[in-house]
Amino acid sequence: MQLLWLSLLLSVPISGISGGPTLLQSSEVLQVQTDQEAKISCEIRSAQTTHAVYWFRQLRPFGANNPYQFLAHSNPRIPSPPQEGNSSQRVLVSGELHRSTLKLLKMQPSDSGVYICAIIPGPQLVFGRGTLVNVVDVLPTTAKPTKKTTPRRRVCNTKSSDVAQQNGTHCNILPLSLLAGCAMVLLISLIVIIRLNYLWNLARHHFVKQLHR
């Protein structure tokens, strides 16, 4: 009788009570591997009193006209061990103050669907947003992060005799540029020294010449 009454209530559009309690489910999308278990929790927010929590599943295709399948319920007013639902004893539900947890065992692809919790605080039902559960044979793997590779340094292509003399010298423009720069500086310095030496000798010769007059 209770299930028939719930089915009649769920067959028409139902909205939450304005300013009343709200339901928060643990996740919006959940992927589960075949033969593994899934766990969904439902938290009651802004509730003045405790409420029994009802769990439903909406089968594909999803839509307002598609009926809901009743799974199980939990009542925190009556402490009891986890209850079994009506899906071949693979549905377990446990309840505590303002929270209910649905555990689904040995999931199969046919168990995929939207799982929704609901409470009845008044003449209307209040629903959670629902959790879309996809049961797949193989879970998608996350892409491995790409490693940052450093470019390899180029090595001079020389003969074996040259390699022995250079001892593994790399073809690098920077050392060659520094060497050319140092040679240029030495050349300029040598020219300046020669010029200064010439001017010094010229001035000394002129000074000696003036003394002999």
N, C-alpha and C. Protein backbone atom coordinates (compact mmCIF):
# COMPACT_ATOMS: atom_id res chain seq x y z
N MET A 1 0.83 -1.21 0.00
CA MET A 1 0.00 0.00 0.00
C MET A 1 0.86 1.25 0.00
N GLN A 2 1.92 1.22 0.79
CA GLN A 2 2.82 2.37 0.85
C GLN A 2 3.49 2.61 -0.50
N LEU A 3 3.92 1.53 -1.16
CA LEU A 3 4.57 1.66 -2.46
C LEU A 3 3.59 2.18 -3.50
N LEU A 4 2.34 1.75 -3.45
CA LEU A 4 1.34 2.24 -4.39
C LEU A 4 1.10 3.72 -4.21
N TRP A 5 1.04 4.17 -2.95
CA TRP A 5 0.84 5.61 -2.67
C TRP A 5 2.02 6.43 -3.16
N LEU A 6 3.22 5.92 -2.96
CA LEU A 6 4.41 6.62 -3.45
C LEU A 6 4.42 6.68 -4.97
N SER A 7 3.99 5.61 -5.63
CA SER A 7 3.97 5.60 -7.09
C SER A 7 2.98 6.63 -7.62
N LEU A 8 1.84 6.78 -6.94
CA LEU A 8 0.87 7.78 -7.36
C LEU A 8 1.42 9.19 -7.18
N LEU A 9 2.15 9.42 -6.10
CA LEU A 9 2.73 10.74 -5.87
C LEU A 9 3.79 11.06 -6.89
N LEU A 10 4.58 10.04 -7.27
CA LEU A 10 5.69 10.27 -8.19
C LEU A 10 5.25 10.31 -9.64
N SER A 11 4.01 9.98 -9.94
CA SER A 11 3.53 9.98 -11.32
C SER A 11 3.16 11.37 -11.81
N VAL A 12 3.15 12.40 -10.93
CA VAL A 12 2.82 13.77 -11.32
C VAL A 12 4.01 14.65 -10.98
N PRO A 13 4.15 15.82 -11.64
CA PRO A 13 5.26 16.73 -11.32
C PRO A 13 5.19 17.16 -9.88
N ILE A 14 6.33 17.09 -9.18
CA ILE A 14 6.39 17.40 -7.76
C ILE A 14 7.50 18.39 -7.53
N SER A 15 7.24 19.42 -6.78
CA SER A 15 8.26 20.42 -6.49
C SER A 15 8.49 20.49 -5.00
N GLY A 16 9.64 21.07 -4.62
CA GLY A 16 9.97 21.19 -3.22
C GLY A 16 9.16 22.27 -2.55
N ILE A 17 9.13 22.27 -1.24
CA ILE A 17 8.40 23.25 -0.46
C ILE A 17 9.26 24.49 -0.32
N SER A 18 8.67 25.64 -0.66
CA SER A 18 9.42 26.89 -0.61
C SER A 18 9.81 27.19 0.82
N GLY A 19 11.11 27.42 1.03
CA GLY A 19 11.60 27.75 2.36
C GLY A 19 11.72 26.55 3.28
N GLY A 20 11.40 25.35 2.79
CA GLY A 20 11.49 24.16 3.61
C GLY A 20 12.84 23.50 3.51
N PRO A 21 12.95 22.26 3.94
CA PRO A 21 14.24 21.56 3.89
C PRO A 21 14.66 21.27 2.46
N THR A 22 15.96 21.15 2.26
CA THR A 22 16.52 20.80 0.96
C THR A 22 17.40 19.57 1.12
N LEU A 23 17.60 18.86 0.01
CA LEU A 23 18.40 17.64 0.02
C LEU A 23 19.65 17.84 -0.84
N LEU A 24 20.77 17.44 -0.28
CA LEU A 24 22.05 17.55 -0.97
C LEU A 24 22.65 16.16 -1.12
N GLN A 25 22.77 15.70 -2.38
CA GLN A 25 23.37 14.39 -2.64
C GLN A 25 24.88 14.53 -2.82
N SER A 26 25.60 13.46 -2.54
CA SER A 26 27.07 13.51 -2.45
C SER A 26 27.72 13.82 -3.79
N SER A 27 27.15 13.42 -4.91
CA SER A 27 27.75 13.68 -6.21
C SER A 27 26.66 13.72 -7.26
N GLU A 28 26.95 14.41 -8.39
CA GLU A 28 26.00 14.49 -9.49
C GLU A 28 26.22 13.38 -10.51
N VAL A 29 27.47 12.98 -10.71
CA VAL A 29 27.79 11.91 -11.66
C VAL A 29 28.74 10.94 -10.97
N LEU A 30 28.47 9.66 -11.16
CA LEU A 30 29.29 8.62 -10.52
C LEU A 30 29.50 7.50 -11.53
N GLN A 31 30.78 7.17 -11.78
CA GLN A 31 31.11 6.05 -12.66
C GLN A 31 31.60 4.88 -11.82
N VAL A 32 31.03 3.73 -12.08
CA VAL A 32 31.33 2.53 -11.30
C VAL A 32 31.68 1.41 -12.27
N GLN A 33 32.67 0.61 -11.88
CA GLN A 33 33.04 -0.54 -12.69
C GLN A 33 32.13 -1.71 -12.38
N THR A 34 31.92 -2.53 -13.37
CA THR A 34 31.05 -3.70 -13.22
C THR A 34 31.51 -4.58 -12.06
N ASP A 35 30.54 -5.06 -11.28
CA ASP A 35 30.74 -5.93 -10.11
C ASP A 35 31.32 -5.18 -8.90
N GLN A 36 31.49 -3.86 -9.01
CA GLN A 36 31.92 -3.07 -7.86
C GLN A 36 30.71 -2.44 -7.18
N GLU A 37 30.94 -1.78 -6.05
CA GLU A 37 29.83 -1.17 -5.32
C GLU A 37 29.86 0.35 -5.48
N ALA A 38 28.69 0.94 -5.33
CA ALA A 38 28.54 2.39 -5.39
C ALA A 38 27.89 2.87 -4.10
N LYS A 39 28.28 4.06 -3.67
CA LYS A 39 27.74 4.62 -2.43
C LYS A 39 27.31 6.06 -2.68
N ILE A 40 26.08 6.38 -2.33
CA ILE A 40 25.53 7.72 -2.50
C ILE A 40 24.93 8.16 -1.17
N SER A 41 25.27 9.34 -0.75
CA SER A 41 24.72 9.86 0.51
C SER A 41 23.78 11.02 0.21
N CYS A 42 22.83 11.22 1.09
CA CYS A 42 21.82 12.27 0.96
C CYS A 42 21.73 13.00 2.29
N GLU A 43 22.03 14.30 2.27
CA GLU A 43 22.02 15.11 3.49
C GLU A 43 20.82 16.05 3.48
N ILE A 44 20.13 16.10 4.62
CA ILE A 44 18.96 16.96 4.74
C ILE A 44 19.39 18.28 5.36
N ARG A 45 19.16 19.37 4.63
CA ARG A 45 19.55 20.70 5.08
C ARG A 45 18.31 21.49 5.53
N SER A 46 18.50 22.34 6.55
CA SER A 46 17.45 23.27 7.02
C SER A 46 16.19 22.53 7.46
N ALA A 47 16.39 21.38 8.06
CA ALA A 47 15.24 20.61 8.54
C ALA A 47 15.05 20.84 10.04
N GLN A 48 13.82 21.11 10.45
CA GLN A 48 13.52 21.32 11.87
C GLN A 48 13.37 20.00 12.60
N THR A 49 12.92 18.99 11.90
CA THR A 49 12.74 17.67 12.50
C THR A 49 13.40 16.62 11.61
N THR A 50 13.47 15.41 12.11
CA THR A 50 14.02 14.31 11.32
C THR A 50 12.96 13.77 10.37
N HIS A 51 13.43 13.23 9.26
CA HIS A 51 12.51 12.71 8.24
C HIS A 51 13.02 11.37 7.74
N ALA A 52 12.10 10.53 7.35
CA ALA A 52 12.45 9.30 6.65
C ALA A 52 12.89 9.66 5.23
N VAL A 53 13.93 8.98 4.74
CA VAL A 53 14.47 9.25 3.41
C VAL A 53 14.14 8.08 2.51
N TYR A 54 13.57 8.40 1.34
CA TYR A 54 13.19 7.39 0.37
C TYR A 54 14.13 7.48 -0.83
N TRP A 55 14.53 6.33 -1.34
CA TRP A 55 15.44 6.27 -2.47
C TRP A 55 14.72 5.68 -3.68
N PHE A 56 14.95 6.35 -4.84
CA PHE A 56 14.33 5.91 -6.09
C PHE A 56 15.38 5.86 -7.19
N ARG A 57 15.03 5.17 -8.27
CA ARG A 57 15.86 5.14 -9.47
C ARG A 57 14.98 5.40 -10.67
N GLN A 58 15.46 6.33 -11.53
CA GLN A 58 14.77 6.62 -12.78
C GLN A 58 15.54 5.97 -13.92
N LEU A 59 14.85 5.14 -14.69
CA LEU A 59 15.50 4.40 -15.76
C LEU A 59 15.58 5.25 -17.02
N ARG A 60 16.45 4.85 -17.93
CA ARG A 60 16.57 5.53 -19.21
C ARG A 60 15.43 5.13 -20.15
N PRO A 61 14.98 6.01 -21.03
CA PRO A 61 15.44 7.40 -21.20
C PRO A 61 14.89 8.28 -20.08
N PHE A 62 15.69 9.26 -19.64
CA PHE A 62 15.30 10.09 -18.53
C PHE A 62 14.28 11.13 -19.00
N GLY A 63 13.31 11.37 -18.17
CA GLY A 63 12.29 12.36 -18.50
C GLY A 63 11.20 12.37 -17.46
N ALA A 64 10.37 13.40 -17.52
CA ALA A 64 9.32 13.55 -16.51
C ALA A 64 8.28 12.44 -16.60
N ASN A 65 8.09 11.88 -17.80
CA ASN A 65 7.06 10.86 -17.99
C ASN A 65 7.56 9.46 -17.64
N ASN A 66 8.85 9.32 -17.42
CA ASN A 66 9.39 8.01 -17.10
C ASN A 66 9.21 7.74 -15.61
N PRO A 67 8.58 6.66 -15.23
CA PRO A 67 8.30 6.42 -13.81
C PRO A 67 9.57 6.14 -13.02
N TYR A 68 9.45 6.32 -11.70
CA TYR A 68 10.54 6.04 -10.78
C TYR A 68 10.36 4.65 -10.17
N GLN A 69 11.47 4.01 -9.90
CA GLN A 69 11.46 2.70 -9.24
C GLN A 69 11.86 2.89 -7.79
N PHE A 70 11.02 2.48 -6.88
CA PHE A 70 11.33 2.60 -5.45
C PHE A 70 12.35 1.53 -5.07
N LEU A 71 13.40 1.96 -4.32
CA LEU A 71 14.46 1.05 -3.92
C LEU A 71 14.42 0.70 -2.45
N ALA A 72 14.48 1.70 -1.59
CA ALA A 72 14.55 1.45 -0.15
C ALA A 72 14.29 2.77 0.57
N HIS A 73 14.20 2.69 1.90
CA HIS A 73 14.03 3.91 2.70
C HIS A 73 14.72 3.71 4.04
N SER A 74 15.06 4.82 4.69
CA SER A 74 15.65 4.79 6.02
C SER A 74 14.92 5.78 6.90
N ASN A 75 14.75 5.39 8.16
CA ASN A 75 14.04 6.24 9.12
C ASN A 75 14.92 6.42 10.35
N PRO A 76 15.50 7.63 10.55
CA PRO A 76 16.38 7.83 11.71
C PRO A 76 15.65 7.77 13.05
N ARG A 77 14.34 7.85 13.03
CA ARG A 77 13.58 7.76 14.29
C ARG A 77 13.57 6.35 14.83
N ILE A 78 13.83 5.39 13.94
CA ILE A 78 13.85 3.99 14.35
C ILE A 78 15.22 3.43 14.06
N PRO A 79 16.19 3.53 14.99
CA PRO A 79 17.54 3.02 14.75
C PRO A 79 17.51 1.52 14.45
N SER A 80 18.14 1.14 13.36
CA SER A 80 18.15 -0.26 12.95
C SER A 80 19.36 -0.49 12.06
N PRO A 81 19.79 -1.74 11.90
CA PRO A 81 20.89 -2.02 10.98
C PRO A 81 20.48 -1.71 9.55
N PRO A 82 21.44 -1.65 8.62
CA PRO A 82 21.11 -1.35 7.23
C PRO A 82 20.01 -2.25 6.69
N GLN A 83 19.04 -1.62 5.98
CA GLN A 83 17.92 -2.36 5.43
C GLN A 83 18.23 -2.79 4.01
N GLU A 84 17.57 -3.86 3.60
CA GLU A 84 17.73 -4.36 2.25
C GLU A 84 16.59 -3.86 1.39
N GLY A 85 16.90 -3.47 0.15
CA GLY A 85 15.89 -3.01 -0.78
C GLY A 85 15.27 -4.17 -1.52
N ASN A 86 14.70 -3.84 -2.70
CA ASN A 86 13.97 -4.85 -3.46
C ASN A 86 14.69 -5.22 -4.75
N SER A 87 16.01 -5.02 -4.84
CA SER A 87 16.76 -5.34 -6.07
C SER A 87 17.67 -6.54 -5.83
N SER A 88 17.05 -7.66 -5.57
CA SER A 88 17.78 -8.92 -5.37
C SER A 88 18.81 -8.80 -4.26
N GLN A 89 18.45 -8.07 -3.18
CA GLN A 89 19.29 -7.93 -2.00
C GLN A 89 20.66 -7.33 -2.33
N ARG A 90 20.71 -6.47 -3.33
CA ARG A 90 21.94 -5.77 -3.66
C ARG A 90 21.87 -4.29 -3.30
N VAL A 91 20.79 -3.89 -2.64
CA VAL A 91 20.62 -2.50 -2.25
C VAL A 91 20.55 -2.42 -0.73
N LEU A 92 21.46 -1.66 -0.14
CA LEU A 92 21.49 -1.46 1.30
C LEU A 92 21.36 0.02 1.60
N VAL A 93 20.62 0.34 2.64
CA VAL A 93 20.44 1.73 3.02
C VAL A 93 20.60 1.85 4.53
N SER A 94 21.29 2.88 4.98
CA SER A 94 21.48 3.13 6.40
C SER A 94 21.18 4.60 6.66
N GLY A 95 20.60 4.89 7.82
CA GLY A 95 20.22 6.26 8.12
C GLY A 95 20.72 6.71 9.48
N GLU A 96 21.02 8.01 9.55
CA GLU A 96 21.37 8.66 10.80
C GLU A 96 20.72 10.03 10.80
N LEU A 97 20.98 10.83 11.80
CA LEU A 97 20.33 12.13 11.92
C LEU A 97 20.66 13.01 10.72
N HIS A 98 19.64 13.39 9.95
CA HIS A 98 19.74 14.29 8.80
C HIS A 98 20.64 13.73 7.69
N ARG A 99 20.82 12.44 7.60
CA ARG A 99 21.63 11.86 6.53
C ARG A 99 21.20 10.42 6.28
N SER A 100 21.21 10.05 5.00
CA SER A 100 20.92 8.67 4.61
C SER A 100 21.94 8.26 3.55
N THR A 101 22.37 7.00 3.62
CA THR A 101 23.39 6.49 2.69
C THR A 101 22.85 5.26 1.98
N LEU A 102 22.94 5.31 0.65
CA LEU A 102 22.51 4.19 -0.19
C LEU A 102 23.74 3.48 -0.72
N LYS A 103 23.81 2.17 -0.50
CA LYS A 103 24.94 1.37 -0.99
C LYS A 103 24.40 0.34 -1.97
N LEU A 104 25.00 0.32 -3.17
CA LEU A 104 24.59 -0.59 -4.24
C LEU A 104 25.71 -1.59 -4.47
N LEU A 105 25.40 -2.87 -4.34
CA LEU A 105 26.41 -3.92 -4.42
C LEU A 105 26.39 -4.60 -5.78
N LYS A 106 27.59 -5.04 -6.22
CA LYS A 106 27.74 -5.82 -7.45
C LYS A 106 27.00 -5.16 -8.61
N MET A 107 27.40 -3.94 -8.90
CA MET A 107 26.72 -3.17 -9.93
C MET A 107 26.86 -3.81 -11.30
N GLN A 108 25.79 -3.73 -12.10
CA GLN A 108 25.76 -4.23 -13.46
C GLN A 108 25.36 -3.09 -14.40
N PRO A 109 25.71 -3.18 -15.70
CA PRO A 109 25.32 -2.12 -16.64
C PRO A 109 23.84 -1.80 -16.62
N SER A 110 23.00 -2.81 -16.33
CA SER A 110 21.56 -2.56 -16.28
C SER A 110 21.16 -1.72 -15.07
N ASP A 111 22.08 -1.54 -14.10
CA ASP A 111 21.78 -0.73 -12.92
C ASP A 111 22.04 0.76 -13.17
N SER A 112 22.51 1.11 -14.35
CA SER A 112 22.75 2.52 -14.65
C SER A 112 21.44 3.29 -14.62
N GLY A 113 21.51 4.52 -14.15
CA GLY A 113 20.31 5.35 -14.06
C GLY A 113 20.55 6.52 -13.13
N VAL A 114 19.50 7.28 -12.88
CA VAL A 114 19.55 8.42 -11.96
C VAL A 114 18.98 7.97 -10.62
N TYR A 115 19.78 8.08 -9.58
CA TYR A 115 19.36 7.70 -8.23
C TYR A 115 19.04 8.97 -7.44
N ILE A 116 17.83 8.99 -6.89
CA ILE A 116 17.31 10.21 -6.27
C ILE A 116 16.80 9.87 -4.87
N CYS A 117 17.12 10.77 -3.93
CA CYS A 117 16.56 10.65 -2.59
C CYS A 117 15.42 11.65 -2.43
N ALA A 118 14.51 11.37 -1.51
CA ALA A 118 13.35 12.24 -1.31
C ALA A 118 12.86 12.12 0.12
N ILE A 119 12.22 13.17 0.60
CA ILE A 119 11.56 13.16 1.91
C ILE A 119 10.15 13.71 1.74
N ILE A 120 9.33 13.49 2.75
CA ILE A 120 7.94 13.97 2.71
C ILE A 120 7.71 14.83 3.95
N PRO A 121 8.14 16.10 3.92
CA PRO A 121 7.95 16.95 5.10
C PRO A 121 6.53 17.50 5.22
N GLY A 122 5.73 17.37 4.17
CA GLY A 122 4.36 17.90 4.19
C GLY A 122 3.53 17.24 3.11
N PRO A 123 2.61 17.98 2.52
CA PRO A 123 1.77 17.39 1.48
C PRO A 123 2.52 17.12 0.18
N GLN A 124 3.71 17.68 0.00
CA GLN A 124 4.49 17.47 -1.21
C GLN A 124 5.84 16.84 -0.88
N LEU A 125 6.39 16.17 -1.89
CA LEU A 125 7.71 15.56 -1.73
C LEU A 125 8.79 16.57 -2.04
N VAL A 126 9.95 16.40 -1.39
CA VAL A 126 11.14 17.18 -1.69
C VAL A 126 12.19 16.22 -2.20
N PHE A 127 12.70 16.50 -3.40
CA PHE A 127 13.68 15.64 -4.05
C PHE A 127 15.08 16.22 -3.96
N GLY A 128 16.07 15.32 -3.98
CA GLY A 128 17.43 15.74 -4.23
C GLY A 128 17.63 15.96 -5.72
N ARG A 129 18.81 16.46 -6.11
CA ARG A 129 19.06 16.76 -7.52
C ARG A 129 19.35 15.51 -8.33
N GLY A 130 19.61 14.39 -7.65
CA GLY A 130 19.84 13.14 -8.36
C GLY A 130 21.32 12.90 -8.64
N THR A 131 21.68 11.63 -8.71
CA THR A 131 23.05 11.21 -9.05
C THR A 131 22.99 10.27 -10.24
N LEU A 132 23.63 10.68 -11.34
CA LEU A 132 23.67 9.84 -12.53
C LEU A 132 24.77 8.80 -12.35
N VAL A 133 24.38 7.54 -12.30
CA VAL A 133 25.32 6.44 -12.11
C VAL A 133 25.48 5.71 -13.43
N ASN A 134 26.73 5.65 -13.91
CA ASN A 134 27.07 4.90 -15.12
C ASN A 134 27.92 3.70 -14.73
N VAL A 135 27.46 2.52 -15.11
CA VAL A 135 28.20 1.29 -14.83
C VAL A 135 28.89 0.86 -16.11
N VAL A 136 30.22 0.79 -16.06
CA VAL A 136 31.01 0.44 -17.25
C VAL A 136 31.93 -0.72 -16.91
N ASP A 137 32.33 -1.44 -17.96
CA ASP A 137 33.23 -2.58 -17.76
C ASP A 137 34.65 -2.12 -17.42
N VAL A 138 35.09 -1.03 -18.04
CA VAL A 138 36.44 -0.52 -17.81
C VAL A 138 36.34 0.97 -17.53
N LEU A 139 36.93 1.38 -16.43
CA LEU A 139 36.93 2.80 -16.08
C LEU A 139 37.90 3.54 -16.99
N PRO A 140 37.56 4.75 -17.41
CA PRO A 140 38.49 5.53 -18.24
C PRO A 140 39.74 5.88 -17.47
N THR A 141 40.87 5.77 -18.13
CA THR A 141 42.14 6.07 -17.48
C THR A 141 42.49 7.52 -17.74
N THR A 142 43.13 8.13 -16.76
CA THR A 142 43.56 9.52 -16.91
C THR A 142 44.86 9.56 -17.69
N ALA A 143 44.99 10.56 -18.54
CA ALA A 143 46.20 10.70 -19.36
C ALA A 143 47.39 11.03 -18.48
N LYS A 144 48.51 10.38 -18.78
CA LYS A 144 49.72 10.63 -18.01
C LYS A 144 50.28 12.00 -18.37
N PRO A 145 50.76 12.73 -17.38
CA PRO A 145 51.32 14.05 -17.68
C PRO A 145 52.58 13.92 -18.52
N THR A 146 52.65 14.78 -19.52
CA THR A 146 53.82 14.75 -20.40
C THR A 146 55.03 15.30 -19.68
N LYS A 147 56.17 14.64 -19.89
CA LYS A 147 57.40 15.07 -19.26
C LYS A 147 58.07 16.15 -20.11
N LYS A 148 58.62 17.11 -19.43
CA LYS A 148 59.31 18.19 -20.11
C LYS A 148 60.70 17.71 -20.51
N THR A 149 60.94 17.70 -21.81
CA THR A 149 62.22 17.23 -22.32
C THR A 149 63.13 18.42 -22.60
N THR A 150 64.40 18.24 -22.27
CA THR A 150 65.39 19.28 -22.52
C THR A 150 66.10 18.97 -23.82
N PRO A 151 66.32 19.98 -24.67
CA PRO A 151 66.99 19.72 -25.95
C PRO A 151 68.42 19.24 -25.74
N ARG A 152 68.80 18.28 -26.55
CA ARG A 152 70.15 17.73 -26.45
C ARG A 152 71.14 18.69 -27.07
N ARG A 153 72.31 18.80 -26.45
CA ARG A 153 73.36 19.68 -26.95
C ARG A 153 74.03 19.05 -28.16
N ARG A 154 74.23 19.89 -29.17
CA ARG A 154 74.87 19.39 -30.38
C ARG A 154 76.36 19.18 -30.15
N VAL A 155 76.90 18.13 -30.73
CA VAL A 155 78.32 17.79 -30.60
C VAL A 155 78.95 17.87 -31.97
N CYS A 156 80.14 18.41 -32.02
CA CYS A 156 80.85 18.56 -33.30
C CYS A 156 81.05 17.20 -33.95
N ASN A 157 80.79 17.17 -35.24
CA ASN A 157 81.07 15.97 -36.02
C ASN A 157 82.52 16.04 -36.51
N THR A 158 83.44 15.50 -35.77
CA THR A 158 84.87 15.55 -36.11
C THR A 158 85.41 14.15 -36.23
N LYS A 159 86.62 14.08 -36.78
CA LYS A 159 87.29 12.80 -36.89
C LYS A 159 87.78 12.34 -35.53
N SER A 160 88.19 11.08 -35.47
CA SER A 160 88.63 10.52 -34.18
C SER A 160 89.84 11.26 -33.65
N SER A 161 90.77 11.66 -34.54
CA SER A 161 91.97 12.38 -34.08
C SER A 161 91.59 13.74 -33.51
N ASP A 162 90.64 14.42 -34.17
CA ASP A 162 90.21 15.73 -33.67
C ASP A 162 89.52 15.59 -32.33
N VAL A 163 88.75 14.51 -32.16
CA VAL A 163 88.06 14.29 -30.89
C VAL A 163 89.06 14.12 -29.77
N ALA A 164 90.14 13.41 -30.04
CA ALA A 164 91.15 13.21 -29.02
C ALA A 164 91.82 14.52 -28.65
N GLN A 165 92.02 15.42 -29.65
CA GLN A 165 92.67 16.69 -29.35
C GLN A 165 91.73 17.65 -28.63
N GLN A 166 90.45 17.71 -29.08
CA GLN A 166 89.51 18.66 -28.50
C GLN A 166 88.91 18.17 -27.19
N ASN A 167 89.00 16.90 -26.93
CA ASN A 167 88.50 16.30 -25.68
C ASN A 167 87.00 16.61 -25.50
N GLY A 168 86.23 16.35 -26.56
CA GLY A 168 84.79 16.49 -26.47
C GLY A 168 84.31 17.92 -26.52
N THR A 169 84.99 18.83 -27.27
CA THR A 169 84.55 20.22 -27.39
C THR A 169 83.21 20.27 -28.12
N HIS A 170 82.27 21.06 -27.61
CA HIS A 170 80.94 21.17 -28.19
C HIS A 170 80.89 22.30 -29.21
N CYS A 171 80.05 22.12 -30.21
CA CYS A 171 79.82 23.18 -31.20
C CYS A 171 78.90 24.21 -30.57
N ASN A 172 79.49 25.20 -30.01
CA ASN A 172 78.70 26.23 -29.33
C ASN A 172 79.18 27.59 -29.81
N ILE A 173 78.29 28.40 -30.26
CA ILE A 173 78.65 29.71 -30.82
C ILE A 173 79.15 30.64 -29.73
N LEU A 174 78.62 30.50 -28.51
CA LEU A 174 78.99 31.42 -27.44
C LEU A 174 80.48 31.40 -27.13
N PRO A 175 81.13 30.27 -26.92
CA PRO A 175 82.58 30.29 -26.66
C PRO A 175 83.37 30.88 -27.81
N LEU A 176 82.95 30.60 -29.06
CA LEU A 176 83.65 31.17 -30.20
C LEU A 176 83.51 32.68 -30.23
N SER A 177 82.33 33.17 -29.89
CA SER A 177 82.11 34.62 -29.86
C SER A 177 82.96 35.27 -28.77
N LEU A 178 83.02 34.64 -27.60
CA LEU A 178 83.85 35.18 -26.52
C LEU A 178 85.32 35.20 -26.92
N LEU A 179 85.77 34.13 -27.60
CA LEU A 179 87.18 34.06 -28.02
C LEU A 179 87.49 35.16 -29.04
N ALA A 180 86.58 35.36 -29.99
CA ALA A 180 86.79 36.41 -30.99
C ALA A 180 86.79 37.79 -30.35
N GLY A 181 85.91 37.98 -29.35
CA GLY A 181 85.86 39.26 -28.65
C GLY A 181 87.14 39.54 -27.89
N CYS A 182 87.65 38.52 -27.20
CA CYS A 182 88.91 38.70 -26.46
C CYS A 182 90.07 39.02 -27.40
N ALA A 183 90.10 38.34 -28.56
CA ALA A 183 91.17 38.62 -29.53
C ALA A 183 91.08 40.05 -30.04
N MET A 184 89.84 40.53 -30.28
CA MET A 184 89.66 41.90 -30.74
C MET A 184 90.12 42.91 -29.70
N VAL A 185 89.78 42.66 -28.44
CA VAL A 185 90.20 43.56 -27.36
C VAL A 185 91.72 43.60 -27.25
N LEU A 186 92.38 42.41 -27.35
CA LEU A 186 93.85 42.38 -27.28
C LEU A 186 94.48 43.14 -28.44
N LEU A 187 93.88 43.00 -29.63
CA LEU A 187 94.42 43.69 -30.80
C LEU A 187 94.32 45.20 -30.65
N ILE A 188 93.15 45.65 -30.18
CA ILE A 188 92.96 47.09 -29.99
C ILE A 188 93.92 47.61 -28.91
N SER A 189 94.08 46.84 -27.84
CA SER A 189 94.99 47.25 -26.77
C SER A 189 96.43 47.36 -27.28
N LEU A 190 96.84 46.41 -28.13
CA LEU A 190 98.19 46.43 -28.68
C LEU A 190 98.41 47.65 -29.57
N ILE A 191 97.39 47.97 -30.38
CA ILE A 191 97.48 49.15 -31.24
C ILE A 191 97.59 50.42 -30.41
N VAL A 192 96.80 50.52 -29.34
CA VAL A 192 96.84 51.69 -28.48
C VAL A 192 98.21 51.83 -27.81
N ILE A 193 98.75 50.70 -27.33
CA ILE A 193 100.06 50.74 -26.67
C ILE A 193 101.15 51.20 -27.64
N ILE A 194 101.12 50.66 -28.88
CA ILE A 194 102.12 51.05 -29.89
C ILE A 194 101.99 52.54 -30.21
N ARG A 195 100.72 53.01 -30.32
CA ARG A 195 100.50 54.42 -30.63
C ARG A 195 101.00 55.32 -29.50
N LEU A 196 100.68 54.93 -28.27
CA LEU A 196 101.15 55.74 -27.13
C LEU A 196 102.68 55.74 -27.05
N ASN A 197 103.27 54.57 -27.29
CA ASN A 197 104.74 54.49 -27.26
C ASN A 197 105.36 55.38 -28.33
N TYR A 198 104.78 55.42 -29.51
CA TYR A 198 105.28 56.28 -30.59
C TYR A 198 105.17 57.74 -30.21
N LEU A 199 104.02 58.17 -29.64
CA LEU A 199 103.84 59.56 -29.24
C LEU A 199 104.81 59.93 -28.12
N TRP A 200 105.05 58.96 -27.21
CA TRP A 200 105.98 59.24 -26.11
C TRP A 200 107.39 59.45 -26.63
N ASN A 201 107.83 58.63 -27.53
CA ASN A 201 109.18 58.77 -28.12
C ASN A 201 109.30 60.08 -28.91
N LEU A 202 108.22 60.44 -29.63
CA LEU A 202 108.24 61.68 -30.40
C LEU A 202 108.34 62.89 -29.49
N ALA A 203 107.60 62.87 -28.39
CA ALA A 203 107.64 64.00 -27.45
C ALA A 203 108.99 64.08 -26.76
N ARG A 204 109.59 62.95 -26.42
CA ARG A 204 110.90 62.96 -25.75
C ARG A 204 111.97 63.47 -26.70
N HIS A 205 111.89 63.06 -27.96
CA HIS A 205 112.86 63.52 -28.95
C HIS A 205 112.74 65.03 -29.14
N HIS A 206 111.52 65.53 -29.16
CA HIS A 206 111.33 66.97 -29.33
C HIS A 206 111.84 67.73 -28.11
N PHE A 207 111.65 67.16 -26.90
CA PHE A 207 112.11 67.83 -25.67
C PHE A 207 113.63 67.89 -25.63
N VAL A 208 114.31 66.79 -26.03
CA VAL A 208 115.78 66.76 -26.05
C VAL A 208 116.32 67.76 -27.06
N LYS A 209 115.65 67.86 -28.19
CA LYS A 209 116.06 68.78 -29.24
C LYS A 209 115.98 70.23 -28.78
N GLN A 210 114.94 70.51 -27.99
CA GLN A 210 114.80 71.88 -27.47
C GLN A 210 115.88 72.20 -26.44
N LEU A 211 116.35 71.22 -25.67
CA LEU A 211 117.40 71.46 -24.66
C LEU A 211 118.74 71.78 -25.31
N HIS A 212 119.04 71.20 -26.46
CA HIS A 212 120.32 71.41 -27.13
C HIS A 212 120.41 72.75 -27.84
N ARG A 213 119.37 73.48 -28.02
CA ARG A 213 119.41 74.76 -28.67
C ARG A 213 119.93 75.84 -27.75
